[in-house]
């Protein structure tokens, strides 16, 4: 009984394509797939310039394998789209790790700070709760709803002089409770106080 061992031999590597042939394959890759890859990357990223970078990287990665891509069965575009998707995912993960925003057009845009108006609204609501119901009603109609004294008097069913009197005493009460702040008329805000 004799044992024979067979050694597996690796297939010989394919000869490298001639530079002219490799250049032609690159041009074929670009002509056939660049637009589709760009549209796909741009849809994923919502950023044209970054999509162009991703497509360029995809084609650079495909170039050394172009001959094999075209000589084997299967979809060249499928392989390219997979590479593009993987590059997009890598770019987004890297940006997330660096806490960057991917795909926004206005990267340096700042959002307005509404903290002052929110604070004024909270303070105004607290101060208004301390007023009597009659004083609060008058301020609600005249300042927050931007109604005239006559309209307020008609809605509340009281004389205009009473509206003026309640308004006067309500504002004095607010001034006394919030020293250092101006009591102002602000129809656009839900606050009657400002700094």
Protein backbone atom coordinates (compact mmCIF):
# COMPACT_ATOMS: atom_id res chain seq x y z
CA UNK A 1 0.00 0.00 0.00
CA UNK A 2 1.64 3.13 -1.14
CA UNK A 3 0.48 6.57 -0.23
CA UNK A 4 0.67 9.24 -2.72
CA UNK A 5 0.27 12.83 -1.79
CA UNK A 6 -0.94 15.22 -4.30
CA UNK A 7 0.03 18.79 -3.89
CA UNK A 8 -2.48 21.36 -4.97
CA UNK A 9 -1.01 23.92 -7.21
CA UNK A 10 -2.42 27.39 -7.37
CA UNK A 11 -3.58 28.49 -10.76
CA UNK A 12 -1.08 30.62 -12.50
CA UNK A 13 -1.87 34.31 -12.13
CA UNK A 14 -3.29 35.91 -15.19
CA UNK A 15 -0.81 37.97 -17.09
CA UNK A 16 -1.13 41.67 -16.43
CA UNK A 17 -3.04 43.45 -19.16
CA UNK A 18 -1.15 45.75 -21.42
CA UNK A 19 -1.26 49.42 -20.32
CA UNK A 20 -3.31 50.37 -23.37
CA UNK A 21 -5.83 47.62 -22.65
CA UNK A 22 -6.01 48.60 -18.97
CA UNK A 23 -6.56 52.22 -19.94
CA UNK A 24 -9.34 51.16 -22.31
CA UNK A 25 -11.02 49.13 -19.54
CA UNK A 26 -10.91 52.17 -17.24
CA UNK A 27 -12.55 54.33 -19.92
CA UNK A 28 -15.19 51.63 -20.39
CA UNK A 29 -15.86 51.53 -16.64
CA UNK A 30 -16.28 55.31 -16.52
CA UNK A 31 -18.43 55.52 -19.65
CA UNK A 32 -20.78 52.71 -18.64
CA UNK A 33 -21.13 53.24 -14.90
CA UNK A 34 -20.08 56.70 -13.70
CA UNK A 35 -23.50 58.39 -14.02
CA UNK A 36 -25.32 55.57 -12.25
CA UNK A 37 -22.75 55.47 -9.45
CA UNK A 38 -22.92 59.25 -9.02
CA UNK A 39 -26.71 59.24 -8.85
CA UNK A 40 -26.64 56.42 -6.29
CA UNK A 41 -23.98 58.05 -4.10
CA UNK A 42 -25.68 61.44 -4.28
CA UNK A 43 -28.99 59.90 -3.22
CA UNK A 44 -27.32 58.24 -0.24
CA UNK A 45 -25.36 61.30 0.84
CA UNK A 46 -27.48 64.23 -0.34
CA UNK A 47 -24.19 65.97 -1.18
CA UNK A 48 -22.98 66.22 -4.80
CA UNK A 49 -19.32 66.94 -4.03
CA UNK A 50 -18.97 64.11 -1.54
CA UNK A 51 -20.74 61.78 -3.98
CA UNK A 52 -18.20 62.69 -6.67
CA UNK A 53 -15.38 61.82 -4.25
CA UNK A 54 -16.99 58.47 -3.46
CA UNK A 55 -17.43 57.61 -7.17
CA UNK A 56 -13.83 58.54 -7.87
CA UNK A 57 -12.67 56.27 -5.04
CA UNK A 58 -14.90 53.46 -6.34
CA UNK A 59 -13.41 53.71 -9.83
CA UNK A 60 -9.88 53.83 -8.42
CA UNK A 61 -10.58 50.62 -6.52
CA UNK A 62 -12.14 48.98 -9.58
CA UNK A 63 -9.39 49.91 -12.01
CA UNK A 64 -6.84 47.22 -10.99
CA UNK A 65 -9.63 44.61 -11.18
CA UNK A 66 -11.29 45.86 -14.37
CA UNK A 67 -10.14 42.98 -16.55
CA UNK A 68 -11.33 40.41 -14.03
CA UNK A 69 -14.65 42.24 -13.60
CA UNK A 70 -15.36 42.11 -17.31
CA UNK A 71 -14.06 38.56 -17.82
CA UNK A 72 -16.15 36.89 -15.10
CA UNK A 73 -19.85 36.30 -15.01
CA UNK A 74 -21.88 38.60 -12.87
CA UNK A 75 -22.76 42.22 -12.75
CA UNK A 76 -20.00 44.77 -12.97
CA UNK A 77 -22.41 47.51 -11.92
CA UNK A 78 -23.57 45.42 -8.96
CA UNK A 79 -20.00 45.14 -7.73
CA UNK A 80 -19.42 48.86 -8.26
CA UNK A 81 -22.65 49.80 -6.44
CA UNK A 82 -21.66 47.58 -3.51
CA UNK A 83 -18.25 49.25 -3.30
CA UNK A 84 -19.92 52.67 -3.49
CA UNK A 85 -22.38 51.79 -0.72
CA UNK A 86 -19.58 50.50 1.49
CA UNK A 87 -17.55 53.67 0.94
CA UNK A 88 -20.57 55.82 1.82
CA UNK A 89 -21.14 53.82 5.01
CA UNK A 90 -17.46 54.17 5.94
CA UNK A 91 -17.58 57.92 5.30
CA UNK A 92 -20.71 58.32 7.43
CA UNK A 93 -19.30 56.23 10.27
CA UNK A 94 -16.09 58.24 10.25
CA UNK A 95 -18.03 61.51 10.25
CA UNK A 96 -20.25 60.29 13.10
CA UNK A 97 -17.21 59.31 15.14
CA UNK A 98 -15.83 62.82 14.60
CA UNK A 99 -19.31 64.27 15.28
CA UNK A 100 -19.50 65.85 11.85
CA UNK A 101 -22.59 66.24 9.73
CA UNK A 102 -22.62 64.40 6.43
CA UNK A 103 -24.71 65.61 3.55
CA UNK A 104 -25.69 69.09 4.68
CA UNK A 105 -25.32 72.02 2.37
CA UNK A 106 -24.97 74.70 5.07
CA UNK A 107 -22.39 73.24 7.38
CA UNK A 108 -21.59 76.56 9.05
CA UNK A 109 -25.19 77.67 9.57
CA UNK A 110 -26.08 78.50 13.15
CA UNK A 111 -29.52 78.20 14.58
CA UNK A 112 -31.06 81.21 16.34
CA UNK A 113 -31.09 81.11 20.11
CA UNK A 114 -34.62 81.39 21.48
CA UNK A 115 -33.67 80.96 25.11
CA UNK A 116 -34.28 84.63 26.01
CA UNK A 117 -37.82 84.63 24.66
CA UNK A 118 -38.56 81.27 26.32
CA UNK A 119 -37.26 82.55 29.65
CA UNK A 120 -39.30 85.76 29.28
CA UNK A 121 -42.41 83.69 28.54
CA UNK A 122 -41.89 81.50 31.62
CA UNK A 123 -41.29 84.53 33.85
CA UNK A 124 -44.29 86.34 32.40
CA UNK A 125 -46.55 83.34 32.94
CA UNK A 126 -45.43 83.08 36.58
CA UNK A 127 -46.01 86.79 37.16
CA UNK A 128 -49.38 86.76 35.41
CA UNK A 129 -50.55 83.92 37.67
CA UNK A 130 -50.01 86.22 40.65
CA UNK A 131 -52.41 88.83 39.24
CA UNK A 132 -56.12 88.80 39.91
CA UNK A 133 -58.33 87.21 37.28
CA UNK A 134 -59.73 90.62 36.25
CA UNK A 135 -56.25 92.13 35.75
CA UNK A 136 -55.06 89.05 33.85
CA UNK A 137 -58.10 89.20 31.52
CA UNK A 138 -57.44 92.84 30.65
CA UNK A 139 -53.74 92.20 29.91
CA UNK A 140 -54.63 89.12 27.88
CA UNK A 141 -56.94 91.10 25.62
CA UNK A 142 -54.97 94.36 25.38
CA UNK A 143 -51.39 93.08 25.21
CA UNK A 144 -51.39 89.47 24.11
CA UNK A 145 -54.39 89.60 21.76
CA UNK A 146 -53.53 93.16 20.67
CA UNK A 147 -57.05 94.49 21.15
CA UNK A 148 -57.99 98.09 21.78
CA UNK A 149 -59.40 99.29 25.08
CA UNK A 150 -62.82 99.67 23.44
CA UNK A 151 -62.73 96.09 22.03
CA UNK A 152 -61.66 94.71 25.41
CA UNK A 153 -64.43 96.63 27.20
CA UNK A 154 -67.02 95.30 24.77
CA UNK A 155 -65.76 91.67 25.06
CA UNK A 156 -65.60 91.76 28.87
CA UNK A 157 -68.81 93.78 29.22
CA UNK A 158 -67.23 96.51 31.37
CA UNK A 159 -66.74 100.26 30.85
CA UNK A 160 -63.59 101.46 29.02
CA UNK A 161 -62.52 103.37 32.13
CA UNK A 162 -62.49 100.11 34.10
CA UNK A 163 -60.32 98.47 31.39
CA UNK A 164 -57.84 101.37 31.60
CA UNK A 165 -57.82 101.25 35.38
CA UNK A 166 -57.27 97.46 35.54
CA UNK A 167 -54.57 97.72 32.89
CA UNK A 168 -52.80 100.47 34.85
CA UNK A 169 -52.86 98.56 38.15
CA UNK A 170 -51.88 95.26 36.52
CA UNK A 171 -48.84 96.82 34.85
CA UNK A 172 -47.80 98.56 38.08
CA UNK A 173 -48.07 95.23 39.90
CA UNK A 174 -45.90 93.54 37.26
CA UNK A 175 -43.31 96.35 37.45
CA UNK A 176 -43.13 95.99 41.21
CA UNK A 177 -42.73 92.20 41.05
CA UNK A 178 -40.14 92.29 38.26
CA UNK A 179 -37.75 95.15 39.04
CA UNK A 180 -35.11 95.77 36.39
CA UNK A 181 -37.35 94.55 33.57
CA UNK A 182 -39.47 96.61 31.22
CA UNK A 183 -43.08 95.73 30.80
CA UNK A 184 -43.74 96.03 27.06
CA UNK A 185 -46.39 95.34 24.50
CA UNK A 186 -45.50 92.26 22.46
CA UNK A 187 -48.24 90.96 20.23
CA UNK A 188 -45.96 88.37 18.60
CA UNK A 189 -44.76 86.83 21.86
CA UNK A 190 -46.75 85.26 24.65
CA UNK A 191 -44.82 87.39 27.08
CA UNK A 192 -45.47 90.85 28.44
CA UNK A 193 -41.95 91.22 29.87
CA UNK A 194 -38.63 91.90 28.22
CA UNK A 195 -35.15 92.66 29.45
